[in-house]
N, C-alpha and C. Protein backbone atom coordinates (compact mmCIF):
# COMPACT_ATOMS: atom_id res chain seq x y z
N MET A 1 1.47 10.03 -3.96
CA MET A 1 0.28 10.81 -3.23
C MET A 1 -0.04 11.88 -3.90
N TYR A 2 0.57 12.58 -4.68
CA TYR A 2 0.26 13.68 -5.25
C TYR A 2 -0.56 13.68 -6.44
N GLY A 3 -0.71 12.44 -7.04
CA GLY A 3 -1.56 12.07 -8.09
C GLY A 3 -3.03 11.89 -7.56
N LEU A 4 -3.10 12.09 -6.21
CA LEU A 4 -4.89 12.05 -5.67
C LEU A 4 -5.42 13.46 -6.18
N LEU A 5 -4.53 14.30 -6.62
CA LEU A 5 -5.22 15.85 -7.24
C LEU A 5 -5.75 15.31 -8.36
N GLU A 6 -5.29 14.70 -9.32
CA GLU A 6 -5.82 14.43 -10.61
C GLU A 6 -7.10 13.59 -10.23
N LEU A 7 -7.06 12.63 -9.47
CA LEU A 7 -7.92 11.55 -9.27
C LEU A 7 -9.35 12.43 -8.59
N ASP A 8 -9.24 13.16 -7.87
CA ASP A 8 -10.10 14.28 -7.09
C ASP A 8 -10.67 14.56 -8.36
N VAL A 9 -10.23 15.42 -9.21
CA VAL A 9 -10.72 16.03 -10.44
C VAL A 9 -11.53 14.97 -11.19
N ARG A 10 -10.96 13.94 -11.60
CA ARG A 10 -11.65 12.94 -12.25
C ARG A 10 -13.01 12.56 -11.51
N SER A 11 -12.79 12.17 -10.34
CA SER A 11 -13.98 11.62 -9.64
C SER A 11 -15.13 12.55 -9.63
N LYS A 12 -14.80 13.94 -9.39
CA LYS A 12 -16.06 15.02 -9.68
C LYS A 12 -16.52 15.07 -11.03
N PHE A 13 -15.84 14.92 -11.95
CA PHE A 13 -16.41 15.01 -13.27
C PHE A 13 -16.57 13.89 -14.41
N VAL A 14 -16.15 12.83 -13.87
CA VAL A 14 -16.10 11.76 -14.73
C VAL A 14 -16.90 10.60 -14.03
N SER A 15 -16.51 10.57 -12.68
CA SER A 15 -17.07 9.43 -12.04
C SER A 15 -18.04 9.85 -10.85
N ILE A 16 -18.88 8.98 -10.40
CA ILE A 16 -19.89 9.59 -9.14
C ILE A 16 -19.44 9.22 -8.06
N ASN A 17 -18.38 8.23 -7.85
CA ASN A 17 -17.77 7.84 -6.56
C ASN A 17 -16.51 8.46 -6.42
N ALA A 18 -16.04 8.55 -5.15
CA ALA A 18 -14.78 8.99 -4.69
C ALA A 18 -13.80 7.94 -4.76
N PRO A 19 -12.61 8.07 -5.12
CA PRO A 19 -11.71 6.97 -5.17
C PRO A 19 -11.27 6.43 -3.68
N LYS A 20 -11.27 5.01 -3.75
CA LYS A 20 -11.21 4.07 -2.64
C LYS A 20 -9.67 4.10 -2.49
N LEU A 21 -9.10 4.36 -1.22
CA LEU A 21 -7.59 4.44 -1.13
C LEU A 21 -7.35 3.07 0.15
N TYR A 22 -6.59 2.44 -0.08
CA TYR A 22 -6.16 1.19 0.66
C TYR A 22 -4.61 1.73 1.21
N CYS A 23 -4.52 1.87 2.67
CA CYS A 23 -3.27 2.38 3.40
C CYS A 23 -3.26 2.00 4.70
N SER A 24 -2.23 2.26 5.06
CA SER A 24 -1.98 2.12 6.73
C SER A 24 -2.68 3.10 7.37
N GLN A 25 -2.72 2.97 8.79
CA GLN A 25 -3.31 3.95 9.78
C GLN A 25 -2.72 5.38 9.59
N ASN A 26 -1.27 5.21 9.53
CA ASN A 26 -0.52 6.47 9.70
C ASN A 26 -0.66 7.18 8.38
N THR A 27 -0.66 6.46 7.31
CA THR A 27 -0.76 7.05 5.84
C THR A 27 -2.21 7.92 5.81
N SER A 28 -3.29 7.03 6.27
CA SER A 28 -4.64 7.65 6.38
C SER A 28 -4.38 9.02 7.26
N GLN A 29 -3.95 9.15 8.37
CA GLN A 29 -3.87 10.43 8.96
C GLN A 29 -3.15 11.31 8.06
N TRP A 30 -2.13 11.22 7.41
CA TRP A 30 -1.35 11.91 6.75
C TRP A 30 -2.33 12.51 5.48
N LEU A 31 -3.03 11.53 5.04
CA LEU A 31 -3.88 12.03 3.89
C LEU A 31 -5.05 12.84 4.21
N ASN A 32 -5.61 12.60 5.39
CA ASN A 32 -6.57 13.37 5.81
C ASN A 32 -6.03 14.85 6.30
N GLN A 33 -4.94 15.10 6.88
CA GLN A 33 -4.10 16.15 7.13
C GLN A 33 -3.82 16.78 6.12
N ASN A 34 -3.24 16.13 4.80
CA ASN A 34 -2.52 16.98 3.84
C ASN A 34 -3.79 17.17 2.58
N PHE A 35 -4.49 16.09 2.57
CA PHE A 35 -5.72 16.28 1.50
C PHE A 35 -6.96 16.18 1.85
N GLY A 36 -7.22 16.97 3.02
CA GLY A 36 -8.55 16.77 3.69
C GLY A 36 -9.59 17.45 2.72
N HIS A 37 -9.27 18.19 1.88
CA HIS A 37 -10.06 18.84 0.87
C HIS A 37 -10.71 17.85 -0.26
N ILE A 38 -9.98 16.63 -0.39
CA ILE A 38 -10.40 15.79 -1.74
C ILE A 38 -11.18 14.88 -1.06
N SER A 39 -12.39 14.62 -1.94
CA SER A 39 -13.06 13.44 -1.83
C SER A 39 -12.44 12.15 -1.85
N LYS A 40 -12.68 11.25 -0.95
CA LYS A 40 -11.81 10.03 -1.10
C LYS A 40 -12.52 8.85 -0.03
N GLU A 41 -12.34 7.94 -0.19
CA GLU A 41 -12.99 6.63 0.78
C GLU A 41 -11.57 6.07 1.32
N ILE A 42 -11.30 6.16 2.42
CA ILE A 42 -9.97 5.46 2.89
C ILE A 42 -10.22 4.13 3.75
N LYS A 43 -9.71 3.02 3.19
CA LYS A 43 -9.74 1.69 3.79
C LYS A 43 -8.42 1.62 4.48
N VAL A 44 -8.50 1.42 5.95
CA VAL A 44 -7.21 1.18 6.68
C VAL A 44 -6.91 -0.31 6.49
N ILE A 45 -5.61 -0.65 6.10
CA ILE A 45 -5.39 -2.11 6.04
C ILE A 45 -4.23 -2.22 7.04
N LYS A 46 -3.87 -3.46 7.47
CA LYS A 46 -2.89 -3.75 8.36
C LYS A 46 -2.03 -4.86 7.46
N ALA A 47 -0.63 -4.70 7.93
CA ALA A 47 0.47 -5.40 7.46
C ALA A 47 0.09 -7.21 7.58
N PHE A 48 0.17 -7.91 6.72
CA PHE A 48 0.10 -9.21 6.59
C PHE A 48 -1.36 -9.69 6.57
N GLN A 49 -2.41 -8.83 6.73
CA GLN A 49 -3.76 -9.02 6.69
C GLN A 49 -4.47 -9.00 5.29
N ALA A 50 -4.34 -10.23 4.91
CA ALA A 50 -5.06 -10.21 3.47
C ALA A 50 -6.54 -9.88 3.22
N PHE A 51 -6.79 -9.19 2.12
CA PHE A 51 -8.08 -8.86 1.67
C PHE A 51 -8.18 -9.01 0.13
N THR A 52 -9.62 -9.27 -0.12
CA THR A 52 -9.80 -9.60 -1.69
C THR A 52 -10.44 -8.31 -2.47
N LEU A 53 -10.10 -8.10 -3.51
CA LEU A 53 -10.53 -6.74 -4.39
C LEU A 53 -10.51 -7.33 -5.79
N PHE A 54 -12.02 -7.36 -6.18
CA PHE A 54 -11.92 -7.69 -7.68
C PHE A 54 -11.43 -9.35 -7.91
N GLY A 55 -11.65 -10.18 -6.92
CA GLY A 55 -11.28 -11.46 -7.05
C GLY A 55 -9.75 -11.66 -6.79
N VAL A 56 -8.88 -10.70 -6.43
CA VAL A 56 -7.62 -10.89 -6.16
C VAL A 56 -7.20 -10.77 -4.73
N GLN A 57 -6.46 -11.70 -4.32
CA GLN A 57 -6.26 -11.64 -2.82
C GLN A 57 -5.12 -10.84 -2.66
N ILE A 58 -5.01 -9.58 -1.70
CA ILE A 58 -4.02 -8.87 -1.73
C ILE A 58 -3.60 -8.88 -0.27
N THR A 59 -2.28 -9.12 -0.13
CA THR A 59 -1.67 -9.22 1.33
C THR A 59 -0.71 -8.09 1.40
N PRO A 60 -0.80 -7.06 2.34
CA PRO A 60 0.12 -5.90 2.28
C PRO A 60 1.25 -6.44 3.10
N ILE A 61 2.27 -6.00 2.59
CA ILE A 61 3.79 -6.35 3.45
C ILE A 61 4.48 -5.02 3.77
N PRO A 62 4.85 -5.01 5.16
CA PRO A 62 5.50 -3.77 5.33
C PRO A 62 7.02 -3.64 4.75
N VAL A 63 7.42 -2.43 4.18
CA VAL A 63 8.64 -2.35 3.62
C VAL A 63 9.31 -0.88 4.26
N TYR A 64 10.55 -0.80 4.35
CA TYR A 64 10.94 0.47 4.91
C TYR A 64 11.02 1.50 3.67
N HIS A 65 10.62 2.53 4.09
CA HIS A 65 10.28 3.64 3.08
C HIS A 65 11.02 4.88 3.08
N MET A 66 11.44 5.23 4.18
CA MET A 66 12.45 6.55 4.33
C MET A 66 13.29 6.19 5.48
N LYS A 67 14.70 6.47 5.14
CA LYS A 67 15.66 6.06 6.21
C LYS A 67 15.48 6.83 7.42
N GLU A 68 15.37 7.98 7.28
CA GLU A 68 15.07 9.21 8.53
C GLU A 68 14.05 8.52 9.15
N GLN A 69 12.81 8.12 8.59
CA GLN A 69 11.53 7.85 9.31
C GLN A 69 11.83 6.55 10.04
N ASP A 70 12.30 5.40 9.24
CA ASP A 70 12.45 4.07 9.57
C ASP A 70 13.60 3.72 10.39
N LYS A 71 14.48 4.44 10.65
CA LYS A 71 15.75 3.78 10.84
C LYS A 71 15.62 3.31 12.34
N GLU A 72 14.92 3.85 13.30
CA GLU A 72 14.91 3.30 14.59
C GLU A 72 13.61 2.15 14.84
N THR A 73 13.01 2.05 13.59
CA THR A 73 11.89 0.98 13.71
C THR A 73 12.29 -0.49 13.55
N LYS A 74 11.84 -1.24 14.50
CA LYS A 74 12.22 -2.54 14.59
C LYS A 74 11.05 -3.11 13.49
N ASP A 75 11.84 -4.27 12.81
CA ASP A 75 11.09 -4.99 11.79
C ASP A 75 9.51 -5.43 12.23
N LYS A 76 9.30 -6.16 13.39
CA LYS A 76 8.08 -6.19 13.74
C LYS A 76 6.83 -5.10 13.93
N LEU A 77 7.54 -3.84 14.06
CA LEU A 77 6.81 -2.82 14.45
C LEU A 77 6.59 -2.08 13.12
N LEU A 78 7.10 -2.57 12.15
CA LEU A 78 7.03 -1.73 10.77
C LEU A 78 5.65 -1.73 10.20
N ASP A 79 4.84 -0.71 9.90
CA ASP A 79 3.64 -0.92 9.50
C ASP A 79 3.07 0.36 8.92
N ASN A 80 4.11 1.20 8.31
CA ASN A 80 3.49 2.49 7.89
C ASN A 80 3.65 2.68 6.09
N THR A 81 4.23 1.70 5.56
CA THR A 81 4.44 1.75 4.08
C THR A 81 4.27 0.24 3.66
N PHE A 82 3.79 -0.01 2.68
CA PHE A 82 3.47 -1.36 2.00
C PHE A 82 3.96 -1.52 0.57
N GLY A 83 4.42 -2.80 0.67
CA GLY A 83 4.30 -3.27 -0.75
C GLY A 83 3.15 -4.48 -0.69
N PHE A 84 2.86 -5.05 -1.96
CA PHE A 84 1.75 -5.97 -2.00
C PHE A 84 1.96 -7.19 -2.72
N ILE A 85 1.46 -8.46 -2.07
CA ILE A 85 1.51 -9.77 -2.79
C ILE A 85 0.09 -9.56 -3.39
N LEU A 86 -0.13 -9.86 -4.58
CA LEU A 86 -1.18 -10.20 -5.29
C LEU A 86 -1.28 -11.74 -5.94
N GLU A 87 -2.44 -12.12 -5.58
CA GLU A 87 -2.59 -13.57 -5.81
C GLU A 87 -3.94 -13.86 -6.46
N HIS A 88 -3.96 -14.65 -7.83
CA HIS A 88 -5.02 -14.95 -8.42
C HIS A 88 -4.54 -16.20 -9.35
N ASN A 89 -5.46 -17.20 -9.45
CA ASN A 89 -5.35 -18.45 -10.37
C ASN A 89 -3.95 -18.89 -9.97
N ASN A 90 -3.55 -19.34 -8.88
CA ASN A 90 -2.15 -19.88 -8.38
C ASN A 90 -1.07 -19.03 -8.96
N ILE A 91 -1.12 -17.72 -9.49
CA ILE A 91 -0.02 -16.67 -9.56
C ILE A 91 0.09 -15.75 -8.58
N ARG A 92 1.43 -15.51 -8.15
CA ARG A 92 1.90 -14.63 -7.13
C ARG A 92 2.64 -13.67 -7.69
N ILE A 93 2.06 -12.40 -7.74
CA ILE A 93 3.05 -11.11 -8.18
C ILE A 93 3.21 -10.34 -6.94
N VAL A 94 4.41 -9.74 -6.90
CA VAL A 94 4.67 -8.84 -5.79
C VAL A 94 4.86 -7.55 -6.52
N TYR A 95 4.41 -6.49 -5.81
CA TYR A 95 4.56 -5.06 -6.30
C TYR A 95 5.32 -4.44 -5.09
N LEU A 96 6.41 -3.89 -5.43
CA LEU A 96 7.24 -3.09 -4.15
C LEU A 96 7.77 -1.69 -4.84
N ALA A 97 7.24 -0.83 -4.35
CA ALA A 97 7.77 0.75 -4.89
C ALA A 97 7.92 1.52 -3.75
N ASP A 98 8.87 2.18 -4.06
CA ASP A 98 9.29 3.38 -3.19
C ASP A 98 9.60 3.20 -1.83
N TYR A 99 10.75 1.92 -1.98
CA TYR A 99 11.15 1.57 -0.52
C TYR A 99 12.97 1.32 -0.68
N TYR A 100 13.34 1.06 0.50
CA TYR A 100 14.90 0.89 0.47
C TYR A 100 15.24 -0.59 0.97
N LYS A 101 14.28 -0.90 1.79
CA LYS A 101 14.76 -2.09 2.42
C LYS A 101 13.58 -3.01 2.72
N ILE A 102 13.63 -4.52 2.61
CA ILE A 102 12.48 -5.32 2.91
C ILE A 102 13.08 -6.07 4.26
N SER A 103 11.79 -6.20 5.19
CA SER A 103 12.07 -6.86 6.34
C SER A 103 12.30 -8.41 6.31
N PRO A 104 13.05 -9.21 7.07
CA PRO A 104 12.93 -10.51 6.76
C PRO A 104 11.74 -11.50 6.58
N GLN A 105 10.81 -10.82 7.26
CA GLN A 105 9.53 -11.58 7.34
C GLN A 105 8.80 -11.48 5.97
N SER A 106 8.88 -10.17 5.48
CA SER A 106 8.44 -9.68 4.22
C SER A 106 9.09 -10.53 3.14
N PHE A 107 10.35 -10.55 3.22
CA PHE A 107 11.19 -11.18 2.31
C PHE A 107 10.66 -12.84 2.31
N GLN A 108 10.48 -13.26 3.31
CA GLN A 108 10.31 -14.75 3.25
C GLN A 108 8.83 -14.96 2.37
N LEU A 109 8.02 -14.14 2.58
CA LEU A 109 6.90 -14.20 1.84
C LEU A 109 6.82 -13.84 0.32
N ILE A 110 7.90 -13.22 0.08
CA ILE A 110 8.12 -13.06 -1.54
C ILE A 110 9.09 -13.82 -2.22
N LYS A 111 9.73 -14.34 -1.53
CA LYS A 111 11.09 -15.15 -2.21
C LYS A 111 10.74 -16.02 -3.37
N HIS A 112 9.43 -16.77 -3.51
CA HIS A 112 9.13 -17.61 -4.35
C HIS A 112 7.94 -17.18 -5.39
N SER A 113 8.01 -16.07 -5.56
CA SER A 113 6.84 -15.54 -6.24
C SER A 113 7.10 -15.57 -7.70
N ASP A 114 6.02 -15.62 -8.53
CA ASP A 114 6.24 -15.82 -10.11
C ASP A 114 6.75 -14.47 -10.72
N VAL A 115 6.37 -13.48 -9.92
CA VAL A 115 6.94 -12.16 -10.67
C VAL A 115 6.99 -11.13 -9.63
N ILE A 116 8.10 -10.11 -9.48
CA ILE A 116 8.27 -9.44 -8.66
C ILE A 116 8.56 -7.94 -9.16
N ILE A 117 7.83 -6.98 -9.16
CA ILE A 117 7.94 -5.85 -9.78
C ILE A 117 8.42 -4.79 -8.61
N CYS A 118 9.54 -4.13 -8.81
CA CYS A 118 10.08 -3.24 -7.82
C CYS A 118 10.79 -1.94 -8.46
N ASP A 119 10.92 -1.09 -7.83
CA ASP A 119 11.77 0.11 -8.20
C ASP A 119 12.47 0.69 -6.65
């Protein structure tokens, strides 16, 4: 999230548009609370609801992000932090970052992907 500070400077001096951020409702609230001074356009997305961006279908999948934050959250209620399934021309790439566990429902969606990028 702290890379947004650099994006803010870039958007003011290089680009005419504020950066578009795609995130959960909770993340949107956090961004507005902690980075309210930064120009940005937030698009709230929901788990498992695909959208298209630049011809790529993107499906947000919930992941467990922080043990203390998520330890009491049941899989079906998980909706704060997302990994992403990117699909274009019959190729499926999954991007998972900054997580420690994947819900069974998310795992079912990614297990037959062409590429999985994770840390």
